[in-house]
N, C-alpha and C. Protein backbone atom coordinates (compact mmCIF):
# COMPACT_ATOMS: atom_id res chain seq x y z
N MET A 1 44.33 -39.26 34.32
CA MET A 1 43.59 -38.15 35.33
C MET A 1 44.28 -38.24 36.63
N ALA A 2 44.94 -39.06 36.86
CA ALA A 2 45.53 -39.17 38.13
C ALA A 2 46.63 -38.28 38.12
N ASP A 3 47.49 -37.91 36.98
CA ASP A 3 48.33 -36.98 37.01
C ASP A 3 48.17 -35.24 37.58
N HIS A 4 46.84 -34.93 37.16
CA HIS A 4 46.42 -33.65 37.06
C HIS A 4 45.36 -33.70 38.60
N PRO A 5 45.68 -32.55 39.38
CA PRO A 5 44.81 -32.42 40.49
C PRO A 5 43.26 -32.11 39.85
N ALA A 6 42.25 -32.49 40.49
CA ALA A 6 40.74 -32.22 40.41
C ALA A 6 40.50 -30.62 40.20
N MET A 7 39.77 -30.31 39.38
CA MET A 7 39.30 -28.92 38.94
C MET A 7 37.80 -28.75 39.62
N PRO A 8 37.35 -27.81 40.12
CA PRO A 8 36.20 -27.50 40.31
C PRO A 8 35.35 -27.25 39.21
N THR A 9 34.22 -27.84 39.29
CA THR A 9 33.25 -28.01 38.38
C THR A 9 32.65 -26.41 37.97
N GLY A 10 32.83 -26.30 36.77
CA GLY A 10 32.65 -24.83 35.92
C GLY A 10 33.83 -23.93 35.88
N ALA A 11 35.02 -24.55 36.60
CA ALA A 11 36.04 -23.63 36.68
C ALA A 11 36.83 -23.76 34.96
N ALA A 12 37.08 -22.58 34.64
CA ALA A 12 37.82 -22.92 33.52
C ALA A 12 39.26 -22.70 33.58
N ALA A 13 40.02 -23.48 32.58
CA ALA A 13 41.65 -23.55 32.95
C ALA A 13 42.14 -22.07 32.54
N THR A 14 43.16 -21.92 33.04
CA THR A 14 43.90 -20.57 32.93
C THR A 14 44.58 -20.81 31.65
N PRO A 15 45.06 -19.80 30.78
CA PRO A 15 45.86 -20.00 29.45
C PRO A 15 47.21 -20.88 29.74
N GLY A 16 47.81 -20.81 30.95
CA GLY A 16 48.94 -21.18 30.81
C GLY A 16 48.98 -22.66 31.58
N SER A 17 48.07 -22.89 32.06
CA SER A 17 47.61 -24.50 32.47
C SER A 17 47.35 -25.39 31.59
N GLU A 18 47.55 -26.68 31.51
CA GLU A 18 47.48 -27.58 30.58
C GLU A 18 46.18 -28.27 31.03
N GLN A 19 45.28 -28.12 31.94
CA GLN A 19 44.01 -28.40 32.38
C GLN A 19 43.07 -28.31 31.53
N ALA A 20 42.23 -28.95 31.21
CA ALA A 20 40.94 -28.76 30.40
C ALA A 20 39.65 -29.07 31.13
N ASN A 21 38.50 -28.62 31.06
CA ASN A 21 37.31 -28.87 31.14
C ASN A 21 36.58 -29.50 30.21
N PRO A 22 36.42 -30.64 30.07
CA PRO A 22 35.73 -31.11 28.94
C PRO A 22 34.05 -30.89 28.98
N ALA A 23 33.46 -30.36 30.21
CA ALA A 23 32.08 -29.89 30.27
C ALA A 23 31.79 -28.67 29.67
N ILE A 24 32.97 -27.87 29.33
CA ILE A 24 32.88 -26.42 28.78
C ILE A 24 32.86 -26.70 27.24
N ALA A 25 32.04 -26.08 26.42
CA ALA A 25 32.18 -26.23 24.93
C ALA A 25 32.08 -24.93 24.52
N PHE A 26 32.69 -24.43 23.63
CA PHE A 26 32.78 -23.34 22.60
C PHE A 26 33.03 -23.67 21.15
N GLU A 27 32.84 -22.50 20.41
CA GLU A 27 32.99 -22.56 18.89
C GLU A 27 34.60 -22.74 18.61
N GLN A 28 34.84 -23.53 18.09
CA GLN A 28 36.19 -23.81 17.70
C GLN A 28 36.68 -22.85 16.44
N ALA A 29 35.55 -22.82 15.45
CA ALA A 29 36.31 -22.07 14.43
C ALA A 29 35.50 -21.10 14.26
N ASP A 30 36.02 -19.67 14.52
CA ASP A 30 35.61 -18.55 14.45
C ASP A 30 35.81 -18.08 12.92
N TRP A 31 35.03 -17.21 12.37
CA TRP A 31 35.25 -16.59 11.15
C TRP A 31 36.62 -15.70 11.16
N PRO A 32 37.42 -15.97 10.31
CA PRO A 32 38.50 -15.09 10.44
C PRO A 32 38.12 -13.56 9.93
N LEU A 33 38.89 -12.38 10.61
CA LEU A 33 38.50 -11.23 10.30
C LEU A 33 39.04 -10.65 8.84
N GLY A 34 40.24 -11.22 8.55
CA GLY A 34 40.70 -10.96 7.10
C GLY A 34 39.52 -10.90 5.97
N PRO A 35 39.02 -12.28 5.69
CA PRO A 35 38.15 -12.11 4.64
C PRO A 35 36.73 -11.59 4.74
N VAL A 36 36.63 -11.28 5.98
CA VAL A 36 35.27 -10.61 6.57
C VAL A 36 35.13 -9.20 6.01
N ALA A 37 36.78 -8.60 6.27
CA ALA A 37 36.89 -7.19 6.14
C ALA A 37 37.09 -6.83 4.61
N ALA A 38 37.48 -8.00 3.88
CA ALA A 38 37.84 -7.98 2.44
C ALA A 38 36.55 -8.01 1.86
N LEU A 39 35.65 -8.54 2.11
CA LEU A 39 34.32 -8.45 1.64
C LEU A 39 33.70 -7.11 1.85
N TYR A 40 33.88 -6.74 2.85
CA TYR A 40 33.01 -5.32 3.33
C TYR A 40 33.67 -4.17 2.32
N VAL A 41 35.16 -4.43 2.19
CA VAL A 41 35.95 -3.38 1.34
C VAL A 41 34.93 -3.50 -0.26
N GLY A 42 35.18 -4.55 -0.59
CA GLY A 42 35.00 -5.16 -1.86
C GLY A 42 33.26 -4.62 -2.36
N VAL A 43 32.48 -4.83 -1.34
CA VAL A 43 30.83 -4.25 -1.31
C VAL A 43 31.15 -2.72 -1.58
N LEU A 44 31.90 -2.10 -0.48
CA LEU A 44 32.01 -0.51 -0.63
C LEU A 44 32.47 -0.20 -1.85
N ILE A 45 33.69 -0.89 -2.53
CA ILE A 45 34.12 -0.42 -3.88
C ILE A 45 33.23 -0.68 -5.18
N LEU A 46 32.59 -1.66 -4.92
CA LEU A 46 31.26 -1.97 -5.88
C LEU A 46 30.45 -1.00 -6.07
N ILE A 47 30.07 -0.45 -4.83
CA ILE A 47 29.08 0.42 -4.64
C ILE A 47 29.55 1.92 -5.34
N VAL A 48 30.82 2.29 -5.22
CA VAL A 48 31.23 3.62 -5.66
C VAL A 48 31.86 3.40 -7.18
N ILE A 49 31.80 2.08 -7.88
CA ILE A 49 32.10 1.94 -9.06
C ILE A 49 30.83 2.11 -9.60
N SER A 50 29.85 1.40 -9.16
CA SER A 50 28.21 1.54 -9.48
C SER A 50 27.96 2.80 -10.08
N ALA A 51 28.15 3.73 -9.08
CA ALA A 51 27.66 5.26 -9.25
C ALA A 51 28.21 5.66 -10.41
N PHE A 52 29.65 5.38 -10.34
CA PHE A 52 30.35 5.96 -11.64
C PHE A 52 29.80 5.66 -13.09
N VAL A 53 29.61 4.24 -12.96
CA VAL A 53 28.95 3.68 -14.25
C VAL A 53 27.53 4.35 -14.72
N LEU A 54 26.95 4.42 -13.65
CA LEU A 54 25.52 4.85 -13.96
C LEU A 54 25.91 6.47 -14.56
N ILE A 55 26.80 7.19 -13.57
CA ILE A 55 26.74 8.50 -14.19
C ILE A 55 27.44 8.54 -15.67
N ALA A 56 28.14 7.40 -16.01
CA ALA A 56 28.98 7.49 -17.40
C ALA A 56 27.82 7.05 -18.17
N ALA A 57 26.93 5.86 -18.23
CA ALA A 57 25.90 5.67 -18.90
C ALA A 57 24.79 6.64 -18.95
N TYR A 58 24.34 7.20 -18.27
CA TYR A 58 23.23 8.28 -18.50
C TYR A 58 23.91 9.46 -18.25
N PRO A 59 24.68 10.23 -18.82
CA PRO A 59 25.22 11.56 -18.71
C PRO A 59 24.22 12.88 -18.72
N THR A 60 23.05 12.63 -19.35
CA THR A 60 22.26 13.69 -19.38
C THR A 60 21.30 14.21 -18.37
N LEU A 61 21.21 12.80 -17.32
CA LEU A 61 20.45 12.92 -16.07
C LEU A 61 20.70 13.87 -15.31
N LEU A 62 22.03 14.11 -15.11
CA LEU A 62 22.16 15.10 -13.77
C LEU A 62 22.03 16.61 -13.97
N PRO A 63 22.14 17.17 -15.35
CA PRO A 63 21.52 18.33 -15.54
C PRO A 63 20.10 18.29 -15.56
N ASP A 64 19.48 17.47 -15.73
CA ASP A 64 17.93 17.27 -15.81
C ASP A 64 17.55 17.71 -14.45
N VAL A 65 18.06 17.33 -13.28
CA VAL A 65 17.84 17.14 -11.85
C VAL A 65 17.24 18.31 -11.56
N ASN A 66 17.78 19.49 -12.24
CA ASN A 66 17.63 20.98 -11.62
C ASN A 66 16.61 21.71 -12.42
N ARG A 67 15.89 21.17 -13.31
CA ARG A 67 14.75 21.62 -14.03
C ARG A 67 13.97 22.04 -13.53
N LYS A 68 13.27 23.22 -13.89
CA LYS A 68 12.16 23.99 -12.95
C LYS A 68 10.71 23.48 -13.91
N LEU A 69 10.00 23.57 -12.95
CA LEU A 69 8.64 23.10 -13.30
C LEU A 69 7.93 24.34 -14.65
N SER A 70 7.73 23.70 -15.77
CA SER A 70 7.61 24.92 -16.84
C SER A 70 5.85 24.88 -17.13
N ILE A 71 5.27 24.30 -16.51
CA ILE A 71 4.09 24.64 -16.48
C ILE A 71 3.29 24.88 -15.01
N ALA A 72 2.46 25.51 -15.00
CA ALA A 72 1.63 25.87 -13.56
C ALA A 72 0.19 24.62 -13.50
N PRO A 73 0.47 24.01 -12.33
CA PRO A 73 -0.81 23.14 -12.47
C PRO A 73 -2.15 24.01 -11.88
N PRO A 74 -3.08 23.55 -12.58
CA PRO A 74 -4.42 24.28 -12.11
C PRO A 74 -4.54 24.52 -10.80
N GLY A 75 -5.44 25.44 -10.25
CA GLY A 75 -5.81 25.76 -8.91
C GLY A 75 -6.77 24.77 -8.42
N PRO A 76 -6.99 24.57 -7.21
CA PRO A 76 -8.11 23.94 -6.78
C PRO A 76 -9.43 24.58 -7.41
N ARG A 77 -10.41 23.83 -7.69
CA ARG A 77 -11.83 24.22 -7.96
C ARG A 77 -12.47 23.95 -6.57
N LEU A 78 -12.77 25.33 -6.19
CA LEU A 78 -13.61 25.44 -4.94
C LEU A 78 -15.05 25.50 -4.98
N GLN A 79 -15.81 25.09 -4.08
CA GLN A 79 -16.98 25.52 -4.05
C GLN A 79 -17.32 27.03 -3.80
N THR A 80 -17.77 27.81 -4.49
CA THR A 80 -17.73 29.23 -4.02
C THR A 80 -19.24 29.62 -3.59
N ASP A 81 -20.29 28.97 -3.98
CA ASP A 81 -21.66 29.25 -3.84
C ASP A 81 -22.42 27.78 -3.22
N ALA A 82 -21.98 27.40 -1.70
CA ALA A 82 -22.71 25.96 -1.37
C ALA A 82 -23.71 25.97 -1.54
N GLU A 83 -24.83 27.18 -0.94
CA GLU A 83 -26.20 27.22 -0.78
C GLU A 83 -26.65 27.24 -2.28
N GLY A 84 -26.12 27.84 -3.07
CA GLY A 84 -26.88 27.91 -4.36
C GLY A 84 -26.43 26.69 -4.95
N ASN A 85 -25.75 25.96 -5.17
CA ASN A 85 -25.22 24.53 -5.69
C ASN A 85 -26.34 23.35 -4.77
N LEU A 86 -26.48 23.68 -3.54
CA LEU A 86 -27.47 22.77 -3.01
C LEU A 86 -28.74 22.98 -3.56
N ARG A 87 -29.23 24.18 -3.71
CA ARG A 87 -30.43 24.50 -4.40
C ARG A 87 -30.63 24.29 -5.57
N ARG A 88 -29.68 24.39 -6.35
CA ARG A 88 -29.94 23.75 -7.79
C ARG A 88 -29.81 22.18 -7.82
N PHE A 89 -28.97 21.44 -7.18
CA PHE A 89 -29.23 19.85 -7.02
C PHE A 89 -30.51 19.44 -6.54
N ARG A 90 -31.06 20.08 -5.37
CA ARG A 90 -32.14 19.68 -5.22
C ARG A 90 -33.43 19.97 -6.12
N ALA A 91 -33.31 21.07 -6.68
CA ALA A 91 -34.32 21.48 -7.85
C ALA A 91 -34.47 20.20 -9.15
N GLU A 92 -33.16 20.02 -9.21
CA GLU A 92 -33.02 18.79 -10.40
C GLU A 92 -33.49 17.86 -9.81
N GLU A 93 -33.37 17.49 -8.50
CA GLU A 93 -33.95 15.97 -8.20
C GLU A 93 -35.23 16.07 -8.22
N GLU A 94 -35.49 16.95 -7.42
CA GLU A 94 -37.34 17.42 -7.42
C GLU A 94 -38.01 17.28 -9.00
N LYS A 95 -37.17 18.02 -9.89
CA LYS A 95 -37.90 17.91 -11.27
C LYS A 95 -37.67 16.20 -11.79
N ARG A 96 -36.76 15.24 -11.23
CA ARG A 96 -36.71 14.10 -11.75
C ARG A 96 -37.78 13.05 -11.09
N LEU A 97 -37.78 13.65 -10.00
CA LEU A 97 -39.03 12.72 -9.20
C LEU A 97 -40.14 12.97 -8.98
N ASN A 98 -40.66 14.37 -9.83
CA ASN A 98 -42.08 14.93 -9.91
C ASN A 98 -42.26 15.30 -11.03
N GLY A 99 -41.68 14.73 -12.30
CA GLY A 99 -41.69 14.97 -13.61
C GLY A 99 -42.06 13.89 -14.29
N TYR A 100 -42.11 14.31 -15.71
CA TYR A 100 -42.24 13.14 -16.80
C TYR A 100 -41.03 13.61 -17.65
N SER A 101 -40.21 12.17 -18.45
CA SER A 101 -39.27 12.49 -19.19
C SER A 101 -39.15 11.18 -19.84
N TRP A 102 -38.38 11.13 -20.94
CA TRP A 102 -37.74 10.00 -21.50
C TRP A 102 -36.81 9.39 -21.04
N ILE A 103 -36.98 8.22 -20.65
CA ILE A 103 -35.63 7.34 -20.35
C ILE A 103 -35.06 6.48 -21.52
N ASP A 104 -35.85 5.91 -22.26
CA ASP A 104 -35.52 5.47 -23.49
C ASP A 104 -36.59 5.45 -24.65
N LYS A 105 -36.53 6.66 -25.48
CA LYS A 105 -37.58 6.84 -26.47
C LYS A 105 -37.99 5.67 -27.54
N SER A 106 -36.53 5.05 -28.11
CA SER A 106 -36.93 4.20 -28.86
C SER A 106 -37.66 2.77 -28.33
N LYS A 107 -37.42 2.85 -27.16
CA LYS A 107 -38.34 1.40 -26.56
C LYS A 107 -39.61 1.74 -25.62
N GLY A 108 -40.05 3.11 -25.78
CA GLY A 108 -41.10 3.54 -25.20
C GLY A 108 -41.10 3.70 -23.68
N VAL A 109 -39.75 3.86 -22.94
CA VAL A 109 -39.66 3.95 -21.87
C VAL A 109 -39.63 5.10 -21.00
N VAL A 110 -40.62 5.57 -19.89
CA VAL A 110 -40.75 6.80 -19.61
C VAL A 110 -41.01 7.10 -18.18
N ARG A 111 -40.56 8.04 -17.83
CA ARG A 111 -39.86 8.50 -16.33
C ARG A 111 -41.45 8.95 -16.08
N ILE A 112 -42.09 8.52 -14.88
CA ILE A 112 -43.09 9.25 -14.56
C ILE A 112 -43.04 9.67 -12.86
N PRO A 113 -43.84 10.47 -12.51
CA PRO A 113 -43.59 10.95 -11.08
C PRO A 113 -43.59 9.98 -10.05
N ILE A 114 -43.01 10.21 -8.88
CA ILE A 114 -42.86 9.11 -8.07
C ILE A 114 -44.03 8.51 -7.54
N GLU A 115 -44.85 9.93 -7.03
CA GLU A 115 -46.43 9.35 -6.59
C GLU A 115 -47.12 8.53 -7.50
N GLN A 116 -47.34 9.11 -8.74
CA GLN A 116 -48.12 8.09 -9.71
C GLN A 116 -47.49 6.89 -9.46
N ALA A 117 -46.02 6.45 -9.73
CA ALA A 117 -45.63 5.41 -9.86
C ALA A 117 -45.90 4.42 -8.31
N MET A 118 -45.81 4.95 -7.45
CA MET A 118 -46.17 4.10 -6.03
C MET A 118 -47.73 3.76 -6.28
N LYS A 119 -48.58 4.93 -6.39
CA LYS A 119 -50.17 4.25 -6.45
C LYS A 119 -50.04 3.38 -7.87
N LYS A 120 -49.49 3.31 -8.86
CA LYS A 120 -49.64 2.12 -9.63
C LYS A 120 -49.16 0.87 -9.37
N LEU A 121 -48.05 0.87 -8.60
CA LEU A 121 -47.88 -0.11 -7.93
C LEU A 121 -48.58 -1.04 -6.98
N VAL A 122 -49.00 -0.07 -6.18
CA VAL A 122 -50.36 -0.56 -5.27
C VAL A 122 -51.31 -1.31 -5.97
N THR A 123 -51.67 -0.46 -7.14
CA THR A 123 -52.83 -1.27 -7.62
C THR A 123 -52.77 -2.25 -8.63
N ASN A 124 -51.55 -2.21 -9.14
CA ASN A 124 -51.45 -3.30 -10.38
C ASN A 124 -50.41 -4.35 -9.75
N GLY A 125 -49.53 -4.06 -8.70
CA GLY A 125 -48.58 -5.17 -8.21
C GLY A 125 -47.46 -5.19 -8.91
N ILE A 126 -46.46 -5.92 -8.71
CA ILE A 126 -45.10 -6.10 -9.54
C ILE A 126 -45.67 -7.34 -10.29
N PRO A 127 -45.24 -7.19 -11.96
CA PRO A 127 -45.38 -8.27 -12.60
C PRO A 127 -44.48 -9.52 -12.29
N ASP A 128 -45.14 -10.69 -12.28
CA ASP A 128 -44.36 -11.93 -12.09
C ASP A 128 -43.85 -12.21 -10.63
N PHE A 129 -44.54 -11.31 -9.91
CA PHE A 129 -44.34 -11.47 -8.43
C PHE A 129 -45.33 -12.30 -7.73
N PRO A 130 -45.14 -13.48 -7.00
CA PRO A 130 -46.25 -13.95 -6.30
C PRO A 130 -47.27 -13.28 -5.33
N LYS A 131 -48.45 -13.47 -5.40
CA LYS A 131 -49.71 -12.70 -4.93
C LYS A 131 -49.67 -13.25 -3.31
N ALA A 132 -49.90 -12.31 -2.91
CA ALA A 132 -50.03 -12.84 -1.04
C ALA A 132 -51.21 -13.70 -1.17
N GLN A 133 -51.36 -14.60 -0.06
CA GLN A 133 -52.55 -15.49 0.00
C GLN A 133 -53.57 -14.64 0.89
N GLN A 134 -55.03 -14.73 0.51
CA GLN A 134 -55.67 -14.13 1.16
C GLN A 134 -56.35 -15.04 2.43
N GLN A 135 -56.37 -14.84 3.67
CA GLN A 135 -56.61 -15.58 4.75
C GLN A 135 -58.17 -15.33 5.06
């Protein structure tokens, strides 16, 4: 160190000078450009070759791409009479709520009107349900 004059801290050595600053570090081994470029070109060639291999392996697919639709899909089923549909729906629901019908004829299960079912529930209670304690 005695033969070289002192360099200010943080100053880099000029390319022609023989002085070096040991406090400054950098990556000594960068990737060489040749192998990286060769890899890039190789991948591009692989993609192009793959495209040609697929065209050769499936020759009937390219003409199939321009095929026209041979069937017409059905049109949307629009609700044309909303009020009538709602009236019919409500009439069916009223019939179910206020009428008698079989649920399961073989087991003897019958649908009864909702008013009658609520009255029966109040008078008989729910089977196997604990009774309220009287105070």
